[in-house]
Amino acid sequence: MLQAAIYDFVILFVVIDPVGTAGLFASMTLDNTAAERRSMAVRGSLIATAVLVVVAFAGKEVLAALGISLPAFRIAGGILLFLLAADMVFARQTGLRSVTAAEDAEAIRKPDISVFPLAIPLLAGPGAITTTVLLMGQAEGDAVAQAAVVLVLLVVMAASLVALLAAARLSHLLGETGSNVVSRLFGIVLAALAVQFVIDGVQKSFGLG
């Protein structure tokens, strides 16, 4: 159980990337006061947590309603996470792990970025949603394991909130180069995990595992 919890923590932490998200948050809130940044960080984290918790419990039912099997979603999710990992390794800014240029421009004009783009897509983006559904699917039939996934998710979101509250300090401490180094290391780990998701999905699809 402990090993599974550590696995869940690692993949969720890598996908959500609190450090990288904090750096983006700091750059988007340069003109806001400390109180405004704190308020947006708390509100955005709570909204993202609510979205991911709902997805954790309703994701399987949504897939079933669409006629999508869990093995198929594992393969698709693994491919998506591998693309996300590639973006992290090469320090590319795409819609998978950050906001696009148009979204960034829109966010700058908004006085409050807690819902968009902080909660969605920076914290509860495609990668985080996909990973949450996959982890809950792996724990299917085991209520304790599923509870552990949700608990780990809450821990990672709490860590994200801490990073957001300390965003200015983290950004100053790491700088652009430091943030990219951390992101690249996370990306390598995520690439391996993504490949494993694809392998598991293929094995389940053909009854090999």
Protein backbone atom coordinates (compact mmCIF):
# COMPACT_ATOMS: atom_id res chain seq x y z
CA MET A 1 0.00 0.00 0.00
CA LEU A 2 2.83 2.40 0.87
CA GLN A 3 4.59 1.65 -2.40
CA ALA A 4 1.38 2.32 -4.34
CA ALA A 5 0.86 5.60 -2.47
CA ILE A 6 4.42 6.70 -3.27
CA TYR A 7 3.86 5.80 -6.93
CA ASP A 8 0.62 7.82 -7.00
CA PHE A 9 2.31 10.77 -5.31
CA VAL A 10 5.24 10.80 -7.71
CA ILE A 11 3.15 10.73 -10.88
CA LEU A 12 0.61 13.30 -9.64
CA PHE A 13 3.36 15.61 -8.36
CA VAL A 14 5.24 15.35 -11.65
CA VAL A 15 2.15 15.95 -13.79
CA ILE A 16 0.75 18.85 -11.76
CA ASP A 17 4.29 20.26 -11.31
CA PRO A 18 3.75 22.68 -8.39
CA VAL A 19 7.15 24.33 -8.91
CA GLY A 20 6.61 25.04 -12.60
CA THR A 21 3.05 26.20 -11.98
CA ALA A 22 4.27 28.54 -9.25
CA GLY A 23 6.72 30.11 -11.69
CA LEU A 24 3.95 30.77 -14.23
CA PHE A 25 1.70 32.11 -11.49
CA ALA A 26 4.41 34.52 -10.34
CA SER A 27 4.91 35.88 -13.85
CA MET A 28 1.16 36.39 -14.34
CA THR A 29 0.62 38.24 -11.07
CA LEU A 30 3.48 40.73 -11.08
CA ASP A 31 1.06 43.66 -10.91
CA ASN A 32 -1.09 42.20 -8.13
CA THR A 33 -0.70 42.87 -4.43
CA ALA A 34 0.43 40.15 -2.03
CA ALA A 35 -3.12 39.85 -0.67
CA GLU A 36 -4.56 39.45 -4.18
CA ARG A 37 -1.98 36.79 -5.07
CA ARG A 38 -2.72 34.92 -1.85
CA SER A 39 -6.47 35.04 -2.49
CA MET A 40 -6.10 33.80 -6.07
CA ALA A 41 -3.74 31.02 -5.00
CA VAL A 42 -6.17 29.71 -2.38
CA ARG A 43 -9.24 30.03 -4.59
CA GLY A 44 -7.55 28.49 -7.62
CA SER A 45 -6.21 25.55 -5.60
CA LEU A 46 -9.62 24.83 -4.08
CA ILE A 47 -11.38 24.95 -7.46
CA ALA A 48 -8.77 22.68 -9.08
CA THR A 49 -8.97 20.24 -6.17
CA ALA A 50 -12.77 20.09 -6.45
CA VAL A 51 -12.53 19.43 -10.20
CA LEU A 52 -10.02 16.61 -9.78
CA VAL A 53 -11.94 14.98 -6.92
CA VAL A 54 -15.13 14.99 -9.01
CA VAL A 55 -13.19 13.51 -11.93
CA ALA A 56 -11.73 10.85 -9.64
CA PHE A 57 -15.17 9.55 -8.71
CA ALA A 58 -17.09 10.25 -11.92
CA GLY A 59 -14.42 9.60 -14.53
CA LYS A 60 -15.12 5.88 -14.94
CA GLU A 61 -18.85 6.47 -15.36
CA VAL A 62 -18.22 9.12 -18.02
CA LEU A 63 -15.92 6.76 -19.92
CA ALA A 64 -18.51 3.96 -19.70
CA ALA A 65 -21.24 6.29 -20.99
CA LEU A 66 -19.03 7.11 -23.98
CA GLY A 67 -18.28 3.43 -24.60
CA ILE A 68 -14.56 3.83 -23.81
CA SER A 69 -12.87 0.94 -22.01
CA LEU A 70 -10.30 1.58 -19.30
CA PRO A 71 -7.50 -0.21 -21.24
CA ALA A 72 -8.19 2.06 -24.23
CA PHE A 73 -8.08 5.10 -21.97
CA ARG A 74 -4.81 3.85 -20.48
CA ILE A 75 -3.25 3.73 -23.94
CA ALA A 76 -4.62 7.16 -24.92
CA GLY A 77 -3.69 8.61 -21.53
CA GLY A 78 -0.18 7.19 -21.75
CA ILE A 79 0.32 8.79 -25.16
CA LEU A 80 -0.99 12.13 -23.87
CA LEU A 81 1.28 11.98 -20.82
CA PHE A 82 4.26 11.10 -23.04
CA LEU A 83 3.60 14.23 -25.12
CA LEU A 84 3.41 16.19 -21.89
CA ALA A 85 6.71 14.66 -20.78
CA ALA A 86 8.32 15.65 -24.09
CA ASP A 87 7.20 19.25 -23.55
CA MET A 88 8.73 19.19 -20.07
CA VAL A 89 12.04 17.68 -21.20
CA PHE A 90 12.44 20.18 -24.05
CA ALA A 91 11.03 23.09 -21.97
CA ARG A 92 8.32 23.79 -24.53
CA GLN A 93 5.26 25.81 -23.57
CA THR A 94 2.15 24.24 -25.09
CA GLY A 95 -1.47 23.92 -24.10
CA LEU A 96 -0.76 20.57 -22.44
CA ARG A 97 1.17 21.92 -19.47
CA SER A 98 0.71 25.67 -19.61
CA VAL A 99 -1.34 28.28 -21.41
CA THR A 100 -1.03 29.29 -25.04
CA ALA A 101 0.13 32.77 -26.04
CA ALA A 102 -3.47 33.86 -26.66
CA GLU A 103 -4.57 32.49 -23.28
CA ASP A 104 -1.64 34.20 -21.59
CA ALA A 105 -2.62 37.53 -23.14
CA GLU A 106 -6.21 37.04 -21.99
CA ALA A 107 -5.07 36.15 -18.47
CA ILE A 108 -2.97 39.30 -18.22
CA ARG A 109 -6.06 41.40 -18.95
CA LYS A 110 -8.06 39.61 -16.25
CA PRO A 111 -7.97 40.98 -12.70
CA ASP A 112 -8.55 37.51 -11.23
CA ILE A 113 -6.85 34.43 -12.73
CA SER A 114 -7.92 31.97 -10.01
CA VAL A 115 -10.39 30.08 -12.25
CA PHE A 116 -8.68 30.60 -15.62
CA PRO A 117 -5.89 29.88 -16.17
CA LEU A 118 -4.75 28.92 -12.65
CA ALA A 119 -7.34 26.28 -11.66
CA ILE A 120 -7.90 25.20 -15.26
CA PRO A 121 -5.67 24.36 -17.09
CA LEU A 122 -2.53 24.99 -14.98
CA LEU A 123 -3.51 22.85 -11.98
CA ALA A 124 -6.39 20.72 -13.25
CA GLY A 125 -5.29 20.43 -16.84
CA PRO A 126 -5.55 17.54 -19.34
CA GLY A 127 -2.57 15.74 -17.83
CA ALA A 128 -3.84 15.96 -14.24
CA ILE A 129 -7.36 14.90 -15.22
CA THR A 130 -6.09 11.96 -17.28
CA THR A 131 -3.73 10.81 -14.54
CA THR A 132 -6.43 10.99 -11.87
CA VAL A 133 -8.79 8.82 -13.91
CA LEU A 134 -6.01 6.33 -14.68
CA LEU A 135 -4.92 5.99 -11.06
CA MET A 136 -8.49 5.51 -9.87
CA GLY A 137 -8.96 2.92 -12.62
CA GLN A 138 -5.89 1.00 -11.44
CA ALA A 139 -7.36 0.92 -7.93
CA GLU A 140 -10.77 -0.25 -9.18
CA GLY A 141 -12.48 -2.66 -6.79
CA ASP A 142 -10.29 -1.67 -3.85
CA ALA A 143 -11.94 1.03 -1.76
CA VAL A 144 -8.84 1.50 0.40
CA ALA A 145 -6.60 1.96 -2.64
CA GLN A 146 -9.02 4.46 -4.17
CA ALA A 147 -9.18 6.37 -0.89
CA ALA A 148 -5.37 6.43 -0.92
CA VAL A 149 -5.39 7.94 -4.44
CA VAL A 150 -7.74 10.71 -3.31
CA LEU A 151 -5.66 11.33 -0.17
CA VAL A 152 -2.47 11.57 -2.22
CA LEU A 153 -4.24 13.93 -4.63
CA LEU A 154 -5.17 16.19 -1.70
CA VAL A 155 -1.57 16.13 -0.46
CA VAL A 156 -0.24 17.12 -3.89
CA MET A 157 -2.78 19.92 -4.18
CA ALA A 158 -1.79 21.15 -0.71
CA ALA A 159 1.84 21.17 -1.87
CA SER A 160 0.74 23.13 -4.95
CA LEU A 161 -0.94 25.71 -2.74
CA VAL A 162 2.22 26.08 -0.65
CA ALA A 163 4.25 26.55 -3.84
CA LEU A 164 1.81 29.17 -5.14
CA LEU A 165 1.93 31.08 -1.86
CA ALA A 166 5.72 31.07 -2.08
CA ALA A 167 5.74 31.65 -5.86
CA ALA A 168 7.71 34.90 -5.78
CA ARG A 169 10.43 33.40 -3.59
CA LEU A 170 10.63 30.20 -5.64
CA SER A 171 10.84 32.16 -8.88
CA HIS A 172 13.64 34.33 -7.49
CA LEU A 173 15.48 31.33 -6.00
CA LEU A 174 15.36 29.02 -9.02
CA GLY A 175 15.19 31.47 -11.89
CA GLU A 176 14.28 30.39 -15.41
CA THR A 177 17.18 27.95 -15.70
CA GLY A 178 16.51 26.29 -12.36
CA SER A 179 12.81 25.87 -13.14
CA ASN A 180 13.65 24.27 -16.50
CA VAL A 181 16.12 21.87 -14.87
CA VAL A 182 13.48 20.71 -12.38
CA SER A 183 10.91 20.42 -15.17
CA ARG A 184 13.27 18.33 -17.33
CA LEU A 185 13.95 15.92 -14.48
CA PHE A 186 10.21 15.54 -13.89
CA GLY A 187 9.70 15.05 -17.61
CA ILE A 188 12.10 12.09 -17.79
CA VAL A 189 10.28 10.37 -14.93
CA LEU A 190 6.89 11.09 -16.49
CA ALA A 191 7.98 9.70 -19.86
CA ALA A 192 8.80 6.34 -18.26
CA LEU A 193 5.49 6.30 -16.37
CA ALA A 194 3.60 7.17 -19.56
CA VAL A 195 5.19 4.28 -21.44
CA GLN A 196 4.18 1.95 -18.60
CA PHE A 197 0.57 3.13 -18.91
CA VAL A 198 0.61 2.26 -22.63
CA ILE A 199 2.15 -1.17 -21.95
CA ASP A 200 -0.47 -1.89 -19.26
CA GLY A 201 -3.26 -0.80 -21.59
CA VAL A 202 -2.04 -3.02 -24.42
CA GLN A 203 -1.66 -6.00 -22.09
CA LYS A 204 -5.19 -5.54 -20.72
CA SER A 205 -6.65 -5.09 -24.20
CA PHE A 206 -5.20 -8.39 -25.42
CA GLY A 207 -5.60 -10.27 -22.13
CA LEU A 208 -1.86 -10.56 -21.59
CA GLY A 209 -1.77 -9.29 -18.04
